[in-house]
């Protein structure tokens, strides 16, 4: 599983692990409930929104490829500006029903 997904699932209370085990094995928490699943989903959406926000900030600062190893082709960037990236974050939030307060 992607390391970032593991971190988010741990933050949401979905995963547990046994201390002092190498490599660490994860398992679904026996105490996880629907609220934990919802929190996990919200964290994933927040991660997407934050990624787009960071990319938009990089563009505004003239850093076309971003400061955090985001390598996108110039074709992908053609015609995009900060306003359209902001709109994308709003559409993501609306689509998944996640508000700023949820994150």
N, C-alpha and C. Protein backbone atom coordinates (compact mmCIF):
# COMPACT_ATOMS: atom_id res chain seq x y z
N UNK A 1 0.84 -1.17 0.00
CA UNK A 1 0.00 0.00 0.00
C UNK A 1 0.90 1.24 0.00
N UNK A 2 0.45 2.27 -0.64
CA UNK A 2 1.16 3.54 -0.69
C UNK A 2 1.41 4.05 0.73
N UNK A 3 2.64 4.49 1.00
CA UNK A 3 2.99 4.96 2.34
C UNK A 3 2.10 6.10 2.81
N UNK A 4 1.74 6.99 1.90
CA UNK A 4 0.87 8.12 2.29
C UNK A 4 -0.52 7.63 2.67
N UNK A 5 -1.05 6.62 1.96
CA UNK A 5 -2.35 6.05 2.34
C UNK A 5 -2.28 5.44 3.73
N UNK A 6 -1.17 4.78 4.02
CA UNK A 6 -1.01 4.19 5.36
C UNK A 6 -1.03 5.29 6.42
N UNK A 7 -0.29 6.38 6.19
CA UNK A 7 -0.29 7.48 7.14
C UNK A 7 -1.70 8.05 7.35
N UNK A 8 -2.43 8.24 6.25
CA UNK A 8 -3.78 8.79 6.35
C UNK A 8 -4.72 7.82 7.08
N UNK A 9 -4.59 6.53 6.79
CA UNK A 9 -5.44 5.53 7.45
C UNK A 9 -5.14 5.46 8.95
N UNK A 10 -3.86 5.60 9.31
CA UNK A 10 -3.50 5.65 10.72
C UNK A 10 -4.08 6.89 11.38
N UNK A 11 -3.97 8.04 10.70
CA UNK A 11 -4.52 9.29 11.23
C UNK A 11 -6.03 9.21 11.42
N UNK A 12 -6.70 8.49 10.52
CA UNK A 12 -8.16 8.36 10.60
C UNK A 12 -8.61 7.31 11.61
N UNK A 13 -7.68 6.52 12.11
CA UNK A 13 -8.02 5.48 13.07
C UNK A 13 -8.47 4.17 12.44
N UNK A 14 -8.20 4.00 11.14
CA UNK A 14 -8.60 2.77 10.45
C UNK A 14 -7.62 1.63 10.62
N UNK A 15 -6.34 1.96 10.73
CA UNK A 15 -5.31 0.93 10.79
C UNK A 15 -4.65 0.89 12.16
N UNK A 16 -4.19 -0.27 12.51
CA UNK A 16 -3.35 -0.49 13.68
C UNK A 16 -2.13 -1.29 13.23
N UNK A 17 -1.18 -1.43 14.12
CA UNK A 17 -0.01 -2.24 13.85
C UNK A 17 0.54 -2.77 15.16
N UNK A 18 1.34 -3.81 15.06
CA UNK A 18 1.97 -4.39 16.23
C UNK A 18 3.31 -3.70 16.43
N UNK A 19 3.51 -3.16 17.63
CA UNK A 19 4.79 -2.50 17.93
C UNK A 19 5.94 -3.49 17.85
N UNK A 20 7.07 -2.99 17.49
CA UNK A 20 8.33 -3.75 17.46
C UNK A 20 8.36 -4.86 16.43
N UNK A 21 7.52 -4.79 15.43
CA UNK A 21 7.55 -5.78 14.35
C UNK A 21 8.26 -5.17 13.14
N UNK A 22 9.16 -5.92 12.56
CA UNK A 22 9.85 -5.45 11.37
C UNK A 22 9.80 -6.54 10.32
N UNK A 23 9.32 -6.31 9.12
CA UNK A 23 8.66 -5.06 8.73
C UNK A 23 7.30 -4.94 9.41
N UNK A 24 6.89 -3.72 9.57
CA UNK A 24 5.62 -3.45 10.25
C UNK A 24 4.46 -4.00 9.43
N UNK A 25 3.57 -4.75 10.07
CA UNK A 25 2.36 -5.25 9.43
C UNK A 25 1.17 -4.46 9.95
N UNK A 26 0.33 -4.03 9.03
CA UNK A 26 -0.84 -3.23 9.39
C UNK A 26 -2.08 -4.09 9.31
N UNK A 27 -3.07 -3.76 10.13
CA UNK A 27 -4.35 -4.45 10.06
C UNK A 27 -5.47 -3.45 10.36
N UNK A 28 -6.65 -3.76 9.87
CA UNK A 28 -7.81 -2.90 10.08
C UNK A 28 -8.15 -2.91 11.57
N UNK A 29 -8.33 -1.73 12.12
CA UNK A 29 -8.65 -1.61 13.53
C UNK A 29 -10.00 -2.25 13.83
N UNK A 30 -10.06 -3.02 14.90
CA UNK A 30 -11.32 -3.62 15.33
C UNK A 30 -12.29 -2.59 15.86
N UNK A 31 -11.79 -1.39 16.16
CA UNK A 31 -12.64 -0.32 16.69
C UNK A 31 -13.06 0.67 15.60
N UNK A 32 -12.62 0.43 14.37
CA UNK A 32 -12.95 1.35 13.27
C UNK A 32 -14.45 1.28 12.99
N UNK A 33 -15.01 2.46 12.72
CA UNK A 33 -16.42 2.51 12.37
C UNK A 33 -16.61 3.41 11.15
N UNK A 34 -17.85 3.67 10.81
CA UNK A 34 -18.16 4.46 9.62
C UNK A 34 -17.55 5.86 9.70
N UNK A 35 -17.49 6.44 10.90
CA UNK A 35 -16.88 7.76 11.05
C UNK A 35 -15.39 7.73 10.69
N UNK A 36 -14.72 6.64 11.03
CA UNK A 36 -13.30 6.51 10.69
C UNK A 36 -13.11 6.40 9.19
N UNK A 37 -13.99 5.66 8.53
CA UNK A 37 -13.93 5.52 7.07
C UNK A 37 -14.16 6.89 6.42
N UNK A 38 -15.15 7.63 6.94
CA UNK A 38 -15.43 8.96 6.41
C UNK A 38 -14.23 9.89 6.61
N UNK A 39 -13.61 9.82 7.77
CA UNK A 39 -12.43 10.65 8.05
C UNK A 39 -11.30 10.32 7.08
N UNK A 40 -11.10 9.03 6.81
CA UNK A 40 -10.07 8.60 5.86
C UNK A 40 -10.34 9.20 4.48
N UNK A 41 -11.59 9.12 4.04
CA UNK A 41 -11.96 9.69 2.74
C UNK A 41 -11.72 11.19 2.72
N UNK A 42 -12.08 11.88 3.80
CA UNK A 42 -11.87 13.33 3.87
C UNK A 42 -10.38 13.66 3.81
N UNK A 43 -9.56 12.87 4.46
CA UNK A 43 -8.12 13.11 4.43
C UNK A 43 -7.55 12.93 3.03
N UNK A 44 -8.07 11.96 2.28
CA UNK A 44 -7.61 11.76 0.91
C UNK A 44 -7.99 12.95 0.04
N UNK A 45 -9.24 13.41 0.18
CA UNK A 45 -9.67 14.58 -0.60
C UNK A 45 -8.84 15.80 -0.21
N UNK A 46 -8.60 15.98 1.08
CA UNK A 46 -7.78 17.11 1.52
C UNK A 46 -6.39 17.04 0.92
N UNK A 47 -5.82 15.84 0.87
CA UNK A 47 -4.50 15.66 0.26
C UNK A 47 -4.52 16.08 -1.21
N UNK A 48 -5.57 15.73 -1.93
CA UNK A 48 -5.70 16.13 -3.34
C UNK A 48 -5.80 17.64 -3.47
N UNK A 49 -6.65 18.25 -2.65
CA UNK A 49 -6.83 19.69 -2.69
C UNK A 49 -5.53 20.41 -2.33
N UNK A 50 -4.85 19.94 -1.30
CA UNK A 50 -3.58 20.56 -0.90
C UNK A 50 -2.54 20.44 -2.01
N UNK A 51 -2.52 19.30 -2.70
CA UNK A 51 -1.59 19.10 -3.81
C UNK A 51 -1.83 20.14 -4.89
N UNK A 52 -3.11 20.33 -5.26
CA UNK A 52 -3.45 21.31 -6.29
C UNK A 52 -3.14 22.72 -5.81
N UNK A 53 -3.46 23.02 -4.56
CA UNK A 53 -3.16 24.35 -4.00
C UNK A 53 -1.66 24.63 -4.05
N UNK A 54 -0.86 23.65 -3.65
CA UNK A 54 0.60 23.82 -3.66
C UNK A 54 1.11 24.03 -5.08
N UNK A 55 0.57 23.26 -6.01
CA UNK A 55 0.97 23.40 -7.40
C UNK A 55 0.61 24.79 -7.92
N UNK A 56 -0.59 25.27 -7.56
CA UNK A 56 -1.01 26.62 -7.96
C UNK A 56 -0.09 27.68 -7.39
N UNK A 57 0.32 27.52 -6.14
CA UNK A 57 1.25 28.47 -5.53
C UNK A 57 2.59 28.46 -6.24
N UNK A 58 3.04 27.27 -6.62
CA UNK A 58 4.30 27.16 -7.36
C UNK A 58 4.20 27.91 -8.68
N UNK A 59 3.06 27.75 -9.36
CA UNK A 59 2.87 28.46 -10.64
C UNK A 59 2.89 29.96 -10.45
N UNK A 60 2.20 30.44 -9.41
CA UNK A 60 2.16 31.88 -9.14
C UNK A 60 3.55 32.43 -8.86
N UNK A 61 4.40 31.60 -8.28
CA UNK A 61 5.77 32.02 -7.97
C UNK A 61 6.73 31.80 -9.13
N UNK A 62 6.21 31.39 -10.28
CA UNK A 62 7.04 31.20 -11.47
C UNK A 62 7.77 29.88 -11.53
N UNK A 63 7.47 28.98 -10.61
CA UNK A 63 8.12 27.67 -10.59
C UNK A 63 7.23 26.69 -11.33
N UNK A 64 7.45 26.56 -12.64
CA UNK A 64 6.55 25.80 -13.51
C UNK A 64 6.44 24.34 -13.10
N UNK A 65 7.51 23.75 -12.62
CA UNK A 65 7.48 22.33 -12.30
C UNK A 65 7.27 22.06 -10.82
N UNK A 66 7.15 23.08 -10.02
CA UNK A 66 6.88 22.88 -8.60
C UNK A 66 8.13 22.54 -7.82
N UNK A 67 8.05 22.79 -6.54
CA UNK A 67 9.21 22.61 -5.70
C UNK A 67 9.28 21.22 -5.08
N UNK A 68 8.25 20.43 -5.24
CA UNK A 68 8.22 19.15 -4.52
C UNK A 68 8.15 17.94 -5.46
N UNK A 69 9.05 17.87 -6.39
CA UNK A 69 9.19 16.71 -7.28
C UNK A 69 7.97 16.47 -8.16
N UNK A 70 7.12 17.46 -8.35
CA UNK A 70 5.98 17.30 -9.25
C UNK A 70 6.46 17.64 -10.65
N UNK A 71 6.60 16.65 -11.46
CA UNK A 71 7.09 16.85 -12.83
C UNK A 71 5.94 16.69 -13.81
N UNK A 72 5.43 17.80 -14.28
CA UNK A 72 4.34 17.77 -15.24
C UNK A 72 4.82 18.36 -16.55
N UNK A 73 4.31 17.84 -17.64
CA UNK A 73 4.75 18.35 -18.94
C UNK A 73 4.18 19.73 -19.19
N UNK A 74 4.84 20.50 -20.03
CA UNK A 74 4.35 21.83 -20.37
C UNK A 74 3.01 21.74 -21.08
N UNK A 75 2.76 20.65 -21.81
CA UNK A 75 1.47 20.47 -22.47
C UNK A 75 0.33 20.45 -21.45
N UNK A 76 0.57 19.80 -20.32
CA UNK A 76 -0.45 19.71 -19.29
C UNK A 76 -0.73 21.08 -18.69
N UNK A 77 0.28 21.91 -18.64
CA UNK A 77 0.14 23.24 -18.04
C UNK A 77 -0.46 24.26 -18.99
N UNK A 78 -0.44 24.00 -20.28
CA UNK A 78 -0.89 24.99 -21.26
C UNK A 78 -2.32 25.41 -20.98
N UNK A 79 -2.51 26.72 -20.86
CA UNK A 79 -3.85 27.27 -20.67
C UNK A 79 -4.37 27.21 -19.25
N UNK A 80 -3.60 26.73 -18.31
CA UNK A 80 -4.05 26.66 -16.93
C UNK A 80 -3.47 27.82 -16.13
N UNK A 81 -4.26 28.35 -15.24
CA UNK A 81 -3.79 29.41 -14.37
C UNK A 81 -4.28 29.16 -12.95
N UNK A 82 -3.92 30.03 -12.05
CA UNK A 82 -4.30 29.86 -10.66
C UNK A 82 -5.79 29.79 -10.44
N UNK A 83 -6.57 30.56 -11.20
CA UNK A 83 -8.03 30.57 -11.03
C UNK A 83 -8.62 29.21 -11.38
N UNK A 84 -8.14 28.59 -12.45
CA UNK A 84 -8.69 27.28 -12.83
C UNK A 84 -8.26 26.21 -11.83
N UNK A 85 -7.07 26.34 -11.26
CA UNK A 85 -6.64 25.38 -10.25
C UNK A 85 -7.46 25.55 -8.98
N UNK A 86 -7.75 26.80 -8.60
CA UNK A 86 -8.60 27.04 -7.45
C UNK A 86 -9.98 26.44 -7.68
N UNK A 87 -10.50 26.61 -8.88
CA UNK A 87 -11.81 26.04 -9.23
C UNK A 87 -11.77 24.52 -9.11
N UNK A 88 -10.67 23.92 -9.52
CA UNK A 88 -10.54 22.46 -9.41
C UNK A 88 -10.63 22.01 -7.96
N UNK A 89 -10.00 22.75 -7.06
CA UNK A 89 -10.08 22.38 -5.64
C UNK A 89 -11.51 22.51 -5.13
N UNK A 90 -12.20 23.55 -5.56
CA UNK A 90 -13.59 23.73 -5.14
C UNK A 90 -14.48 22.60 -5.68
N UNK A 91 -14.25 22.21 -6.93
CA UNK A 91 -15.03 21.12 -7.52
C UNK A 91 -14.76 19.80 -6.80
N UNK A 92 -13.50 19.56 -6.42
CA UNK A 92 -13.17 18.35 -5.66
C UNK A 92 -13.91 18.34 -4.33
N UNK A 93 -13.86 19.46 -3.63
CA UNK A 93 -14.56 19.55 -2.34
C UNK A 93 -16.05 19.30 -2.50
N UNK A 94 -16.65 19.95 -3.48
CA UNK A 94 -18.08 19.81 -3.70
C UNK A 94 -18.44 18.38 -4.10
N UNK A 95 -17.67 17.80 -5.00
CA UNK A 95 -17.95 16.44 -5.48
C UNK A 95 -17.95 15.44 -4.33
N UNK A 96 -16.99 15.60 -3.40
CA UNK A 96 -16.86 14.65 -2.30
C UNK A 96 -17.56 15.12 -1.03
N UNK A 97 -18.14 16.33 -1.06
CA UNK A 97 -18.85 16.83 0.11
C UNK A 97 -17.93 17.13 1.27
N UNK A 98 -16.74 17.64 0.98
CA UNK A 98 -15.76 17.97 2.01
C UNK A 98 -15.58 19.47 2.05
N UNK A 99 -15.77 20.06 3.23
CA UNK A 99 -15.57 21.50 3.36
C UNK A 99 -14.21 21.77 3.99
N UNK A 100 -13.80 23.04 3.99
CA UNK A 100 -12.54 23.42 4.61
C UNK A 100 -12.52 23.03 6.08
N UNK A 101 -13.67 23.10 6.74
CA UNK A 101 -13.75 22.80 8.17
C UNK A 101 -13.55 21.33 8.47
N UNK A 102 -13.80 20.45 7.47
CA UNK A 102 -13.65 19.01 7.68
C UNK A 102 -12.20 18.58 7.78
N UNK A 103 -11.30 19.41 7.25
CA UNK A 103 -9.91 18.98 7.23
C UNK A 103 -9.11 19.57 8.34
